[in-house]
Every structure is written in structure tokens, then in C-alpha cells.
Amino acid sequence: KTTMPIPEIAIMIEGQNGLNWVRWQRLALAVERSGFTGLFRSDHYTNANPPDQDSLELWVSLTWLASHTRRIVFGPLVSPVSFRHPTMTARMAAAVDDLSNGRLILGLGAGWQEREHQNFGWDLLPLPERFQRFEEGLQVITRLLQSDKDIDFQGRYYQLHQAILLPRPQRPGGPPILIGGNGPTRTLPLIARYANEWNAVYIPADEFNRLNQILDNLLRACGRTPGSVRRSLMTGCVFGRTPDEVDDRVALRTKNQQIPQELRQRGLIVGTGAEIVEQCRDYAAAGVERIMLQWLDLDDIAGLEALADALLPNLV
């Protein structure tokens, strides 16, 4: 166990919780400089509960990142089809991927947050229709990215007539498509049909392992090999340089309601550098190839750099 390498480590931030240009530019450069694999961010107008905070628009921010970093992979976790037309998402994704020399990972979702849809006039739809619209959006995006000829599409939610993306993406087929979520009945079957990467969310290693095997079977049923889909995890992270600092940060985060071990049982990665390395190894053993650690304090660059120093030497 102790010799197993840890997965790639990327950082994920919540773009609706105070993100503005100053914070984004500082964070992106720190993530690149510190040696993390990538930087991912959520795509929301606003947070689920008031008060509203700064919320930098996703695709504008990724365009800046594409031309101001050289190494890190990046993308949305995840961009909903519920408030962006999939043809626009495909156009922007192809352009941003080209601008970055092929570093975008295109995370897509059905949409979930009721408040932003209500506030800004978008129809979230009941769950069955929401997933039907999501599948149509996936079909539209994948066909536009992958087809060198114009396409027609006649769906309930989207209709295309002689539509083609030009210029064609520099990467054949465009950027890889990531779908996030843990649902075995709706989400995993969509991943098996359309995705290049599965991103699980906030689950312990044993649950990841269980869902991983379900996805393997679904992929085989679709005529795909299990190895054709990358496996990643996005989860919460509480890092401290000392055990006391870990305890203090957990107490602050949970309003003194939980201890570190309780958060770990829920699938969060919590501890000192050495403890986090061991948890990452457990995830690697369960099949996780990349971990996106959710970093909530957008101003704590020193903590981010200390996390990199503690974790990244263990990458093999």
C-alpha cells in the first residue's frame, strides 16, 4: 500500500463563491507554478444560498487561462446545458481548446441548482426531462466536435440543420468530454455512451470502487473498453500543516459539528500532508486516476503551495 503512487492532483474551486479576476489570475498562476496537474472550476451564476458573491463567468475565465498558462489541464466541473445552448458550448470549447494547445477537458452536466435558474429565468425542468435534454445536448456537442461534415439533428429540445463547426478542432474529435456524478441509473449510462472521463463527486474509496465496476460493465455493453474512460474524483479538502491545524479547520468548516474522521467517512480528503497522501493512495487502489481537490479559500495561496509541497513529491 505504501509504495502505490498517488493519482494526479488537480485543484477545483467554486467560481460562484467570490471569484473575480484578481483571485482567478492569482490562483491560476499559483496552481501552474506549484506543479499541480490542473485547475477546474464550477460554472454557476450564483451560489445555492444567499448572499450573492462575485462569480466570474466561466468561459471568459477559461479563455484567459488558456493563453496565460502553458502546462496545466483545465475545464468546467461542470458546465450545464440548462443555461447555455450546446452549440455555443461546443463552439467555445473548440476555440478555447485550440487556444490552449489542447489542454481543455470539457465537463458537462444537466444543471441542478434551482436558485440560479429561478433568478436568471432559465428552465431547470423536472428530473426525467432534464436528463433527456442533457442527453440531447451531449449528442449535439459530440457530433459537432467529431463530424467533419455538416450535421442535422432533430430532438425535442434542440434542432440543427446543416450545422458544422469551423475551423475544425485541432484535436481530432475536439476536447475530451467529462461527465460528473455518481448516479448508477442516469449518469453512469450517459458516461458509458458519451464521455471520455468519469468524474465522481464526494464519495469514499470503497463506493468509488463499486461504481467503477458498474461503469466497466456499462462500457462493455456499449462496445467500449473500460480503459477508454479516465476515472477521476472531485472531493472536499481540508489540509493543515499540523494535526492541530487540521482539527481547527475542520471545526471551522463544520461549525464544531464533526471531527476529521467523520468527514473522511463521507469521502472528503482531510489531514496533514502525510495523511492526505495515504488517502490518495486508497483512492488510487480503487481506480482513481486524477483527484480534483476542492479548495474553498480563494485567497489562501500559501496553503495551496504548502499542499503542493506535501503531496506532489509522492507522484510517480
C-alpha atoms as a PDB file:
ATOM      1  CA  LYS A   1       0.000   0.000   0.000  1.00  0.00           C
ATOM      2  CA  THR A   2       2.682   2.497   0.996  1.00  0.00           C
ATOM      3  CA  THR A   3       4.512   2.115  -2.307  1.00  0.00           C
ATOM      4  CA  MET A   4       1.475   2.775  -4.515  1.00  0.00           C
ATOM      5  CA  PRO A   5       1.784   6.109  -6.339  1.00  0.00           C
ATOM      6  CA  ILE A   6      -0.912   8.674  -5.733  1.00  0.00           C
ATOM      7  CA  PRO A   7      -3.165   9.844  -8.591  1.00  0.00           C
ATOM      8  CA  GLU A   8      -2.626  13.099 -10.425  1.00  0.00           C
ATOM      9  CA  ILE A   9      -3.619  16.014  -8.195  1.00  0.00           C
ATOM     10  CA  ALA A  10      -5.553  18.977  -9.581  1.00  0.00           C
ATOM     11  CA  ILE A  11      -7.298  21.859  -7.812  1.00  0.00           C
ATOM     12  CA  MET A  12     -11.009  22.658  -8.103  1.00  0.00           C
ATOM     13  CA  ILE A  13     -12.562  25.940  -6.996  1.00  0.00           C
ATOM     14  CA  GLU A  14     -16.137  27.180  -6.632  1.00  0.00           C
ATOM     15  CA  GLY A  15     -16.430  30.016  -9.110  1.00  0.00           C
ATOM     16  CA  GLN A  16     -19.634  31.392  -7.597  1.00  0.00           C
ATOM     17  CA  ASN A  17     -18.144  31.897  -4.107  1.00  0.00           C
ATOM     18  CA  GLY A  18     -16.306  35.158  -4.590  1.00  0.00           C
ATOM     19  CA  LEU A  19     -14.291  34.538  -7.755  1.00  0.00           C
ATOM     20  CA  ASN A  20     -13.186  37.693  -9.584  1.00  0.00           C
ATOM     21  CA  TRP A  21     -10.323  38.500 -11.942  1.00  0.00           C
ATOM     22  CA  VAL A  22      -7.768  39.252  -9.215  1.00  0.00           C
ATOM     23  CA  ARG A  23      -8.408  35.949  -7.440  1.00  0.00           C
ATOM     24  CA  TRP A  24      -8.657  33.882 -10.626  1.00  0.00           C
ATOM     25  CA  GLN A  25      -5.419  35.170 -12.124  1.00  0.00           C
ATOM     26  CA  ARG A  26      -3.534  34.738  -8.850  1.00  0.00           C
ATOM     27  CA  LEU A  27      -4.906  31.212  -8.336  1.00  0.00           C
ATOM     28  CA  ALA A  28      -4.271  30.045 -11.894  1.00  0.00           C
ATOM     29  CA  LEU A  29      -0.657  31.160 -11.838  1.00  0.00           C
ATOM     30  CA  ALA A  30      -0.117  29.621  -8.384  1.00  0.00           C
ATOM     31  CA  VAL A  31      -1.583  26.270  -9.492  1.00  0.00           C
ATOM     32  CA  GLU A  32       0.657  26.215 -12.563  1.00  0.00           C
ATOM     33  CA  ARG A  33       3.745  27.307 -10.613  1.00  0.00           C
ATOM     34  CA  SER A  34       3.171  24.804  -7.785  1.00  0.00           C
ATOM     35  CA  GLY A  35       3.135  21.790 -10.086  1.00  0.00           C
ATOM     36  CA  PHE A  36      -0.476  20.650  -9.810  1.00  0.00           C
ATOM     37  CA  THR A  37      -1.820  18.778 -12.843  1.00  0.00           C
ATOM     38  CA  GLY A  38      -4.725  21.114 -13.464  1.00  0.00           C
ATOM     39  CA  LEU A  39      -7.264  23.708 -12.354  1.00  0.00           C
ATOM     40  CA  PHE A  40     -11.012  23.179 -12.598  1.00  0.00           C
ATOM     41  CA  ARG A  41     -13.927  25.346 -11.579  1.00  0.00           C
ATOM     42  CA  SER A  42     -17.666  25.232 -11.202  1.00  0.00           C
ATOM     43  CA  ASP A  43     -19.996  27.028 -13.614  1.00  0.00           C
ATOM     44  CA  HIS A  44     -22.746  28.955 -11.835  1.00  0.00           C
ATOM     45  CA  TYR A  45     -24.371  32.366 -11.976  1.00  0.00           C
ATOM     46  CA  THR A  46     -24.639  32.422  -8.202  1.00  0.00           C
ATOM     47  CA  ASN A  47     -24.424  30.244  -5.114  1.00  0.00           C
ATOM     48  CA  ALA A  48     -27.200  27.946  -3.906  1.00  0.00           C
ATOM     49  CA  ASN A  49     -27.993  30.193  -0.930  1.00  0.00           C
ATOM     50  CA  PRO A  50     -27.705  33.948  -0.441  1.00  0.00           C
ATOM     51  CA  PRO A  51     -25.889  36.259  -0.020  1.00  0.00           C
ATOM     52  CA  ASP A  52     -24.656  36.567  -3.585  1.00  0.00           C
ATOM     53  CA  GLN A  53     -20.903  36.859  -4.117  1.00  0.00           C
ATOM     54  CA  ASP A  54     -18.617  37.621  -7.047  1.00  0.00           C
ATOM     55  CA  SER A  55     -18.991  34.969  -9.751  1.00  0.00           C
ATOM     56  CA  LEU A  56     -16.644  35.255 -12.712  1.00  0.00           C
ATOM     57  CA  GLU A  57     -18.152  33.932 -15.950  1.00  0.00           C
ATOM     58  CA  LEU A  58     -16.790  30.501 -16.798  1.00  0.00           C
ATOM     59  CA  TRP A  59     -15.843  30.626 -20.478  1.00  0.00           C
ATOM     60  CA  VAL A  60     -14.378  34.124 -20.308  1.00  0.00           C
ATOM     61  CA  SER A  61     -12.199  32.999 -17.391  1.00  0.00           C
ATOM     62  CA  LEU A  62     -11.082  29.840 -19.228  1.00  0.00           C
ATOM     63  CA  THR A  63     -10.150  31.875 -22.294  1.00  0.00           C
ATOM     64  CA  TRP A  64      -7.807  33.965 -20.160  1.00  0.00           C
ATOM     65  CA  LEU A  65      -6.353  30.818 -18.558  1.00  0.00           C
ATOM     66  CA  ALA A  66      -5.802  29.155 -21.950  1.00  0.00           C
ATOM     67  CA  SER A  67      -3.498  31.947 -23.077  1.00  0.00           C
ATOM     68  CA  HIS A  68      -1.800  32.737 -19.735  1.00  0.00           C
ATOM     69  CA  THR A  69      -0.774  29.218 -18.671  1.00  0.00           C
ATOM     70  CA  ARG A  70       1.276  26.670 -20.580  1.00  0.00           C
ATOM     71  CA  ARG A  71       1.096  23.341 -18.767  1.00  0.00           C
ATOM     72  CA  ILE A  72      -2.000  22.698 -16.658  1.00  0.00           C
ATOM     73  CA  VAL A  73      -5.144  20.996 -17.909  1.00  0.00           C
ATOM     74  CA  PHE A  74      -8.347  22.836 -17.036  1.00  0.00           C
ATOM     75  CA  GLY A  75     -12.079  22.959 -17.534  1.00  0.00           C
ATOM     76  CA  PRO A  76     -15.524  23.244 -16.010  1.00  0.00           C
ATOM     77  CA  LEU A  77     -16.795  20.896 -13.305  1.00  0.00           C
ATOM     78  CA  VAL A  78     -19.286  21.050 -14.880  1.00  0.00           C
ATOM     79  CA  SER A  79     -20.941  23.303 -17.447  1.00  0.00           C
ATOM     80  CA  PRO A  80     -24.738  22.843 -17.532  1.00  0.00           C
ATOM     81  CA  VAL A  81     -26.695  22.565 -20.758  1.00  0.00           C
ATOM     82  CA  SER A  82     -29.615  24.156 -18.893  1.00  0.00           C
ATOM     83  CA  PHE A  83     -28.393  27.747 -19.287  1.00  0.00           C
ATOM     84  CA  ARG A  84     -26.114  27.536 -22.316  1.00  0.00           C
ATOM     85  CA  HIS A  85     -27.138  26.237 -25.701  1.00  0.00           C
ATOM     86  CA  PRO A  86     -24.985  23.189 -26.501  1.00  0.00           C
ATOM     87  CA  THR A  87     -23.994  24.567 -29.913  1.00  0.00           C
ATOM     88  CA  MET A  88     -22.469  27.601 -28.162  1.00  0.00           C
ATOM     89  CA  THR A  89     -20.729  25.386 -25.628  1.00  0.00           C
ATOM     90  CA  ALA A  90     -19.247  23.292 -28.451  1.00  0.00           C
ATOM     91  CA  ARG A  91     -18.044  26.404 -30.313  1.00  0.00           C
ATOM     92  CA  MET A  92     -16.423  27.938 -27.242  1.00  0.00           C
ATOM     93  CA  ALA A  93     -14.881  24.655 -26.120  1.00  0.00           C
ATOM     94  CA  ALA A  94     -13.272  24.008 -29.509  1.00  0.00           C
ATOM     95  CA  ALA A  95     -11.875  27.536 -29.622  1.00  0.00           C
ATOM     96  CA  VAL A  96     -10.547  27.521 -26.042  1.00  0.00           C
ATOM     97  CA  ASP A  97      -9.004  24.074 -26.522  1.00  0.00           C
ATOM     98  CA  ASP A  98      -7.190  25.270 -29.642  1.00  0.00           C
ATOM     99  CA  LEU A  99      -6.027  28.436 -27.863  1.00  0.00           C
ATOM    100  CA  SER A 100      -4.507  26.322 -25.070  1.00  0.00           C
ATOM    101  CA  ASN A 101      -2.850  23.825 -27.431  1.00  0.00           C
ATOM    102  CA  GLY A 102      -5.157  21.017 -26.371  1.00  0.00           C
ATOM    103  CA  ARG A 103      -5.443  21.335 -22.576  1.00  0.00           C
ATOM    104  CA  LEU A 104      -9.215  21.721 -22.076  1.00  0.00           C
ATOM    105  CA  ILE A 105     -11.300  18.979 -20.510  1.00  0.00           C
ATOM    106  CA  LEU A 106     -14.945  19.697 -21.316  1.00  0.00           C
ATOM    107  CA  GLY A 107     -17.021  18.906 -18.240  1.00  0.00           C
ATOM    108  CA  LEU A 108     -20.767  18.815 -18.962  1.00  0.00           C
ATOM    109  CA  GLY A 109     -23.828  18.476 -16.752  1.00  0.00           C
ATOM    110  CA  ALA A 110     -27.604  18.620 -16.718  1.00  0.00           C
ATOM    111  CA  GLY A 111     -27.857  21.541 -14.277  1.00  0.00           C
ATOM    112  CA  TRP A 112     -29.088  21.243 -10.701  1.00  0.00           C
ATOM    113  CA  GLN A 113     -29.069  24.499  -8.793  1.00  0.00           C
ATOM    114  CA  GLU A 114     -32.610  25.836  -8.518  1.00  0.00           C
ATOM    115  CA  ARG A 115     -31.783  29.313  -7.290  1.00  0.00           C
ATOM    116  CA  GLU A 116     -29.695  30.449 -10.269  1.00  0.00           C
ATOM    117  CA  HIS A 117     -32.269  29.124 -12.736  1.00  0.00           C
ATOM    118  CA  GLN A 118     -35.045  30.955 -10.911  1.00  0.00           C
ATOM    119  CA  ASN A 119     -33.052  34.198 -10.565  1.00  0.00           C
ATOM    120  CA  PHE A 120     -31.952  34.366 -14.191  1.00  0.00           C
ATOM    121  CA  GLY A 121     -35.005  32.962 -15.940  1.00  0.00           C
ATOM    122  CA  TRP A 122     -33.810  29.526 -17.068  1.00  0.00           C
ATOM    123  CA  ASP A 123     -35.992  26.429 -17.062  1.00  0.00           C
ATOM    124  CA  LEU A 124     -34.354  23.696 -14.974  1.00  0.00           C
ATOM    125  CA  LEU A 125     -37.080  21.106 -15.824  1.00  0.00           C
ATOM    126  CA  PRO A 126     -38.200  18.094 -13.733  1.00  0.00           C
ATOM    127  CA  LEU A 127     -35.512  15.418 -13.408  1.00  0.00           C
ATOM    128  CA  PRO A 128     -36.567  12.990 -16.202  1.00  0.00           C
ATOM    129  CA  GLU A 129     -36.926  15.807 -18.771  1.00  0.00           C
ATOM    130  CA  ARG A 130     -33.733  17.444 -17.509  1.00  0.00           C
ATOM    131  CA  PHE A 131     -31.758  14.293 -18.268  1.00  0.00           C
ATOM    132  CA  GLN A 132     -33.463  13.869 -21.630  1.00  0.00           C
ATOM    133  CA  ARG A 133     -32.381  17.411 -22.520  1.00  0.00           C
ATOM    134  CA  PHE A 134     -28.874  16.656 -21.197  1.00  0.00           C
ATOM    135  CA  GLU A 135     -28.576  13.597 -23.425  1.00  0.00           C
ATOM    136  CA  GLU A 136     -29.672  15.630 -26.442  1.00  0.00           C
ATOM    137  CA  GLY A 137     -27.085  18.255 -25.515  1.00  0.00           C
ATOM    138  CA  LEU A 138     -24.405  15.559 -25.329  1.00  0.00           C
ATOM    139  CA  GLN A 139     -25.414  14.293 -28.770  1.00  0.00           C
ATOM    140  CA  VAL A 140     -25.283  17.822 -30.228  1.00  0.00           C
ATOM    141  CA  ILE A 141     -21.890  18.632 -28.698  1.00  0.00           C
ATOM    142  CA  THR A 142     -20.202  15.330 -29.551  1.00  0.00           C
ATOM    143  CA  ARG A 143     -21.490  15.330 -33.128  1.00  0.00           C
ATOM    144  CA  LEU A 144     -20.415  18.934 -33.744  1.00  0.00           C
ATOM    145  CA  LEU A 145     -16.956  18.278 -32.326  1.00  0.00           C
ATOM    146  CA  GLN A 146     -16.456  14.958 -34.095  1.00  0.00           C
ATOM    147  CA  SER A 147     -18.036  15.446 -37.520  1.00  0.00           C
ATOM    148  CA  ASP A 148     -16.106  16.936 -40.437  1.00  0.00           C
ATOM    149  CA  LYS A 149     -19.351  17.167 -42.397  1.00  0.00           C
ATOM    150  CA  ASP A 150     -22.394  19.270 -41.586  1.00  0.00           C
ATOM    151  CA  ILE A 151     -25.000  17.580 -39.406  1.00  0.00           C
ATOM    152  CA  ASP A 152     -28.748  17.567 -38.944  1.00  0.00           C
ATOM    153  CA  PHE A 153     -30.324  16.886 -35.566  1.00  0.00           C
ATOM    154  CA  GLN A 154     -33.995  16.718 -34.696  1.00  0.00           C
ATOM    155  CA  GLY A 155     -34.586  16.479 -30.954  1.00  0.00           C
ATOM    156  CA  ARG A 156     -37.269  17.586 -28.554  1.00  0.00           C
ATOM    157  CA  TYR A 157     -35.057  20.378 -27.180  1.00  0.00           C
ATOM    158  CA  TYR A 158     -32.533  21.057 -29.953  1.00  0.00           C
ATOM    159  CA  GLN A 159     -32.734  21.123 -33.742  1.00  0.00           C
ATOM    160  CA  LEU A 160     -29.799  21.541 -36.116  1.00  0.00           C
ATOM    161  CA  HIS A 161     -29.856  21.888 -39.900  1.00  0.00           C
ATOM    162  CA  GLN A 162     -26.622  21.605 -41.909  1.00  0.00           C
ATOM    163  CA  ALA A 163     -24.597  22.683 -38.864  1.00  0.00           C
ATOM    164  CA  ILE A 164     -20.811  22.450 -38.902  1.00  0.00           C
ATOM    165  CA  LEU A 165     -18.074  23.756 -36.609  1.00  0.00           C
ATOM    166  CA  LEU A 166     -15.367  25.675 -38.499  1.00  0.00           C
ATOM    167  CA  PRO A 167     -12.487  25.825 -38.027  1.00  0.00           C
ATOM    168  CA  ARG A 168     -12.377  22.145 -37.144  1.00  0.00           C
ATOM    169  CA  PRO A 169     -10.867  21.456 -33.704  1.00  0.00           C
ATOM    170  CA  GLN A 170      -7.088  20.930 -33.851  1.00  0.00           C
ATOM    171  CA  ARG A 171      -7.531  17.845 -31.671  1.00  0.00           C
ATOM    172  CA  PRO A 172      -9.350  15.157 -33.672  1.00  0.00           C
ATOM    173  CA  GLY A 173     -12.817  14.919 -32.132  1.00  0.00           C
ATOM    174  CA  GLY A 174     -12.243  18.015 -30.028  1.00  0.00           C
ATOM    175  CA  PRO A 175     -11.519  18.187 -26.294  1.00  0.00           C
ATOM    176  CA  PRO A 176     -12.312  15.105 -24.168  1.00  0.00           C
ATOM    177  CA  ILE A 177     -15.759  15.147 -22.600  1.00  0.00           C
ATOM    178  CA  LEU A 178     -16.100  14.682 -18.854  1.00  0.00           C
ATOM    179  CA  ILE A 179     -19.389  13.879 -17.124  1.00  0.00           C
ATOM    180  CA  GLY A 180     -19.625  14.253 -13.365  1.00  0.00           C
ATOM    181  CA  GLY A 181     -21.862  12.416 -10.942  1.00  0.00           C
ATOM    182  CA  ASN A 182     -22.431   9.203  -9.034  1.00  0.00           C
ATOM    183  CA  GLY A 183     -25.870   8.084 -10.231  1.00  0.00           C
ATOM    184  CA  PRO A 184     -25.878   4.469 -11.457  1.00  0.00           C
ATOM    185  CA  THR A 185     -29.217   4.705 -13.286  1.00  0.00           C
ATOM    186  CA  ARG A 186     -28.991   8.028 -15.148  1.00  0.00           C
ATOM    187  CA  THR A 187     -25.424   9.365 -15.022  1.00  0.00           C
ATOM    188  CA  LEU A 188     -23.206   6.306 -15.472  1.00  0.00           C
ATOM    189  CA  PRO A 189     -25.088   5.081 -18.587  1.00  0.00           C
ATOM    190  CA  LEU A 190     -24.567   8.531 -20.188  1.00  0.00           C
ATOM    191  CA  ILE A 191     -20.871   8.341 -19.339  1.00  0.00           C
ATOM    192  CA  ALA A 192     -20.653   4.910 -20.970  1.00  0.00           C
ATOM    193  CA  ARG A 193     -22.170   6.310 -24.170  1.00  0.00           C
ATOM    194  CA  TYR A 194     -20.673   9.780 -24.487  1.00  0.00           C
ATOM    195  CA  ALA A 195     -17.805  10.530 -22.089  1.00  0.00           C
ATOM    196  CA  ASN A 196     -14.032  10.260 -22.153  1.00  0.00           C
ATOM    197  CA  GLU A 197     -13.820  10.810 -18.386  1.00  0.00           C
ATOM    198  CA  TRP A 198     -15.996   9.972 -15.394  1.00  0.00           C
ATOM    199  CA  ASN A 199     -15.732  12.415 -12.504  1.00  0.00           C
ATOM    200  CA  ALA A 200     -17.154  11.032  -9.265  1.00  0.00           C
ATOM    201  CA  VAL A 201     -18.164  13.528  -6.590  1.00  0.00           C
ATOM    202  CA  TYR A 202     -17.592  13.382  -2.817  1.00  0.00           C
ATOM    203  CA  ILE A 203     -17.574   9.608  -2.283  1.00  0.00           C
ATOM    204  CA  PRO A 204     -15.346   7.291  -0.224  1.00  0.00           C
ATOM    205  CA  ALA A 205     -12.891   4.935  -1.948  1.00  0.00           C
ATOM    206  CA  ASP A 206     -14.991   1.786  -1.421  1.00  0.00           C
ATOM    207  CA  GLU A 207     -18.045   3.418  -3.004  1.00  0.00           C
ATOM    208  CA  PHE A 208     -15.901   4.654  -5.891  1.00  0.00           C
ATOM    209  CA  ASN A 209     -14.679   1.110  -6.431  1.00  0.00           C
ATOM    210  CA  ARG A 210     -18.253  -0.217  -6.514  1.00  0.00           C
ATOM    211  CA  LEU A 211     -19.419   2.375  -9.073  1.00  0.00           C
ATOM    212  CA  ASN A 212     -16.222   1.913 -11.062  1.00  0.00           C
ATOM    213  CA  GLN A 213     -17.090  -1.741 -11.648  1.00  0.00           C
ATOM    214  CA  ILE A 214     -20.644  -0.808 -12.685  1.00  0.00           C
ATOM    215  CA  LEU A 215     -19.198   1.636 -15.221  1.00  0.00           C
ATOM    216  CA  ASP A 216     -16.820  -1.059 -16.548  1.00  0.00           C
ATOM    217  CA  ASN A 217     -19.824  -3.301 -17.260  1.00  0.00           C
ATOM    218  CA  LEU A 218     -21.804  -0.476 -18.887  1.00  0.00           C
ATOM    219  CA  LEU A 219     -18.841   0.343 -21.136  1.00  0.00           C
ATOM    220  CA  ARG A 220     -18.509  -3.259 -22.251  1.00  0.00           C
ATOM    221  CA  ALA A 221     -22.239  -3.334 -23.006  1.00  0.00           C
ATOM    222  CA  CYS A 222     -21.705  -0.272 -25.266  1.00  0.00           C
ATOM    223  CA  GLY A 223     -18.831  -1.993 -27.059  1.00  0.00           C
ATOM    224  CA  ARG A 224     -16.192   0.178 -25.387  1.00  0.00           C
ATOM    225  CA  THR A 225     -13.204  -0.929 -23.350  1.00  0.00           C
ATOM    226  CA  PRO A 226     -13.102   0.102 -19.674  1.00  0.00           C
ATOM    227  CA  GLY A 227      -9.729   1.726 -20.329  1.00  0.00           C
ATOM    228  CA  SER A 228     -11.281   4.155 -22.811  1.00  0.00           C
ATOM    229  CA  VAL A 229     -12.743   6.288 -19.995  1.00  0.00           C
ATOM    230  CA  ARG A 230     -10.496   8.054 -17.491  1.00  0.00           C
ATOM    231  CA  ARG A 231     -11.628   7.895 -13.839  1.00  0.00           C
ATOM    232  CA  SER A 232     -11.406  10.972 -11.632  1.00  0.00           C
ATOM    233  CA  LEU A 233     -12.823  12.245  -8.360  1.00  0.00           C
ATOM    234  CA  MET A 234     -13.731  15.728  -7.143  1.00  0.00           C
ATOM    235  CA  THR A 235     -13.983  15.994  -3.382  1.00  0.00           C
ATOM    236  CA  GLY A 236     -13.614  18.378  -0.472  1.00  0.00           C
ATOM    237  CA  CYS A 237     -10.209  19.003   1.030  1.00  0.00           C
ATOM    238  CA  VAL A 238      -9.221  20.163   4.492  1.00  0.00           C
ATOM    239  CA  PHE A 239      -5.440  20.467   4.734  1.00  0.00           C
ATOM    240  CA  GLY A 240      -3.387  21.504   7.726  1.00  0.00           C
ATOM    241  CA  ARG A 241       0.352  21.647   8.270  1.00  0.00           C
ATOM    242  CA  THR A 242      -0.093  20.139  11.773  1.00  0.00           C
ATOM    243  CA  PRO A 243      -2.767  17.908  13.396  1.00  0.00           C
ATOM    244  CA  ASP A 244      -3.933  20.879  15.485  1.00  0.00           C
ATOM    245  CA  GLU A 245      -4.374  23.000  12.369  1.00  0.00           C
ATOM    246  CA  VAL A 246      -6.382  20.192  10.760  1.00  0.00           C
ATOM    247  CA  ASP A 247      -8.662  19.994  13.817  1.00  0.00           C
ATOM    248  CA  ASP A 248      -9.134  23.763  13.859  1.00  0.00           C
ATOM    249  CA  ARG A 249     -10.025  23.895  10.161  1.00  0.00           C
ATOM    250  CA  VAL A 250     -12.484  21.013  10.434  1.00  0.00           C
ATOM    251  CA  ALA A 251     -14.139  22.685  13.433  1.00  0.00           C
ATOM    252  CA  LEU A 252     -14.436  25.921  11.466  1.00  0.00           C
ATOM    253  CA  ARG A 253     -15.786  24.203   8.366  1.00  0.00           C
ATOM    254  CA  THR A 254     -18.363  22.109  10.246  1.00  0.00           C
ATOM    255  CA  LYS A 255     -19.229  24.690  12.955  1.00  0.00           C
ATOM    256  CA  ASN A 256     -17.844  22.256  15.545  1.00  0.00           C
ATOM    257  CA  GLN A 257     -20.288  19.561  14.415  1.00  0.00           C
ATOM    258  CA  GLN A 258     -17.821  16.976  13.066  1.00  0.00           C
ATOM    259  CA  ILE A 259     -14.313  15.622  13.560  1.00  0.00           C
ATOM    260  CA  PRO A 260     -11.821  14.802  10.769  1.00  0.00           C
ATOM    261  CA  GLN A 261     -12.624  11.074  10.700  1.00  0.00           C
ATOM    262  CA  GLU A 262     -16.336  11.781  10.114  1.00  0.00           C
ATOM    263  CA  LEU A 263     -15.509  13.925   7.085  1.00  0.00           C
ATOM    264  CA  ARG A 264     -13.222  11.208   5.731  1.00  0.00           C
ATOM    265  CA  GLN A 265     -16.017   8.662   6.026  1.00  0.00           C
ATOM    266  CA  ARG A 266     -18.151  10.943   3.824  1.00  0.00           C
ATOM    267  CA  GLY A 267     -15.433  10.970   1.168  1.00  0.00           C
ATOM    268  CA  LEU A 268     -13.594  14.197   1.932  1.00  0.00           C
ATOM    269  CA  ILE A 269      -9.795  14.256   1.956  1.00  0.00           C
ATOM    270  CA  VAL A 270      -8.735  15.584   5.338  1.00  0.00           C
ATOM    271  CA  GLY A 271      -5.463  15.775   7.234  1.00  0.00           C
ATOM    272  CA  THR A 272      -1.827  16.715   7.223  1.00  0.00           C
ATOM    273  CA  GLY A 273       0.222  16.140   4.101  1.00  0.00           C
ATOM    274  CA  ALA A 274       1.184  12.604   5.101  1.00  0.00           C
ATOM    275  CA  GLU A 275      -2.424  11.686   5.944  1.00  0.00           C
ATOM    276  CA  ILE A 276      -3.696  13.080   2.653  1.00  0.00           C
ATOM    277  CA  VAL A 277      -1.073  11.102   0.736  1.00  0.00           C
ATOM    278  CA  GLU A 278      -2.367   7.882   2.334  1.00  0.00           C
ATOM    279  CA  GLN A 279      -5.980   8.744   1.474  1.00  0.00           C
ATOM    280  CA  CYS A 280      -4.953   9.485  -2.117  1.00  0.00           C
ATOM    281  CA  ARG A 281      -3.275   6.076  -2.289  1.00  0.00           C
ATOM    282  CA  ASP A 282      -6.523   4.432  -1.127  1.00  0.00           C
ATOM    283  CA  TYR A 283      -8.332   6.171  -3.979  1.00  0.00           C
ATOM    284  CA  ALA A 284      -5.651   5.096  -6.444  1.00  0.00           C
ATOM    285  CA  ALA A 285      -6.186   1.484  -5.330  1.00  0.00           C
ATOM    286  CA  ALA A 286      -9.917   1.942  -6.026  1.00  0.00           C
ATOM    287  CA  GLY A 287      -9.173   3.087  -9.594  1.00  0.00           C
ATOM    288  CA  VAL A 288      -8.985   6.892  -9.326  1.00  0.00           C
ATOM    289  CA  GLU A 289      -6.533   8.350 -11.857  1.00  0.00           C
ATOM    290  CA  ARG A 290      -6.956  12.049 -11.044  1.00  0.00           C
ATOM    291  CA  ILE A 291      -8.203  13.804  -7.901  1.00  0.00           C
ATOM    292  CA  MET A 292      -9.565  17.342  -8.076  1.00  0.00           C
ATOM    293  CA  LEU A 293      -9.227  18.745  -4.549  1.00  0.00           C
ATOM    294  CA  GLN A 294     -11.857  21.392  -3.815  1.00  0.00           C
ATOM    295  CA  TRP A 295     -10.037  24.452  -2.475  1.00  0.00           C
ATOM    296  CA  LEU A 296     -12.574  26.788  -0.876  1.00  0.00           C
ATOM    297  CA  ASP A 297     -10.364  29.631   0.388  1.00  0.00           C
ATOM    298  CA  LEU A 298      -9.664  31.539  -2.809  1.00  0.00           C
ATOM    299  CA  ASP A 299      -7.131  33.793  -1.048  1.00  0.00           C
ATOM    300  CA  ASP A 300      -5.067  31.083   0.671  1.00  0.00           C
ATOM    301  CA  ILE A 301      -2.253  30.825  -1.856  1.00  0.00           C
ATOM    302  CA  ALA A 302       0.303  29.952   0.834  1.00  0.00           C
ATOM    303  CA  GLY A 303      -1.833  26.983   1.913  1.00  0.00           C
ATOM    304  CA  LEU A 304      -2.148  25.853  -1.695  1.00  0.00           C
ATOM    305  CA  GLU A 305       1.627  25.967  -2.123  1.00  0.00           C
ATOM    306  CA  ALA A 306       2.136  24.051   1.144  1.00  0.00           C
ATOM    307  CA  LEU A 307      -0.327  21.408  -0.073  1.00  0.00           C
ATOM    308  CA  ALA A 308       1.654  21.065  -3.298  1.00  0.00           C
ATOM    309  CA  ASP A 309       4.904  20.676  -1.354  1.00  0.00           C
ATOM    310  CA  ALA A 310       3.348  17.960   0.811  1.00  0.00           C
ATOM    311  CA  LEU A 311       1.646  15.955  -1.953  1.00  0.00           C
ATOM    312  CA  LEU A 312       3.362  16.314  -5.271  1.00  0.00           C
ATOM    313  CA  PRO A 313       6.716  14.687  -4.412  1.00  0.00           C
ATOM    314  CA  ASN A 314       4.673  11.475  -3.947  1.00  0.00           C
ATOM    315  CA  LEU A 315       3.551  11.437  -7.562  1.00  0.00           C
ATOM    316  CA  VAL A 316       5.323   8.745  -9.551  1.00  0.00           C
END
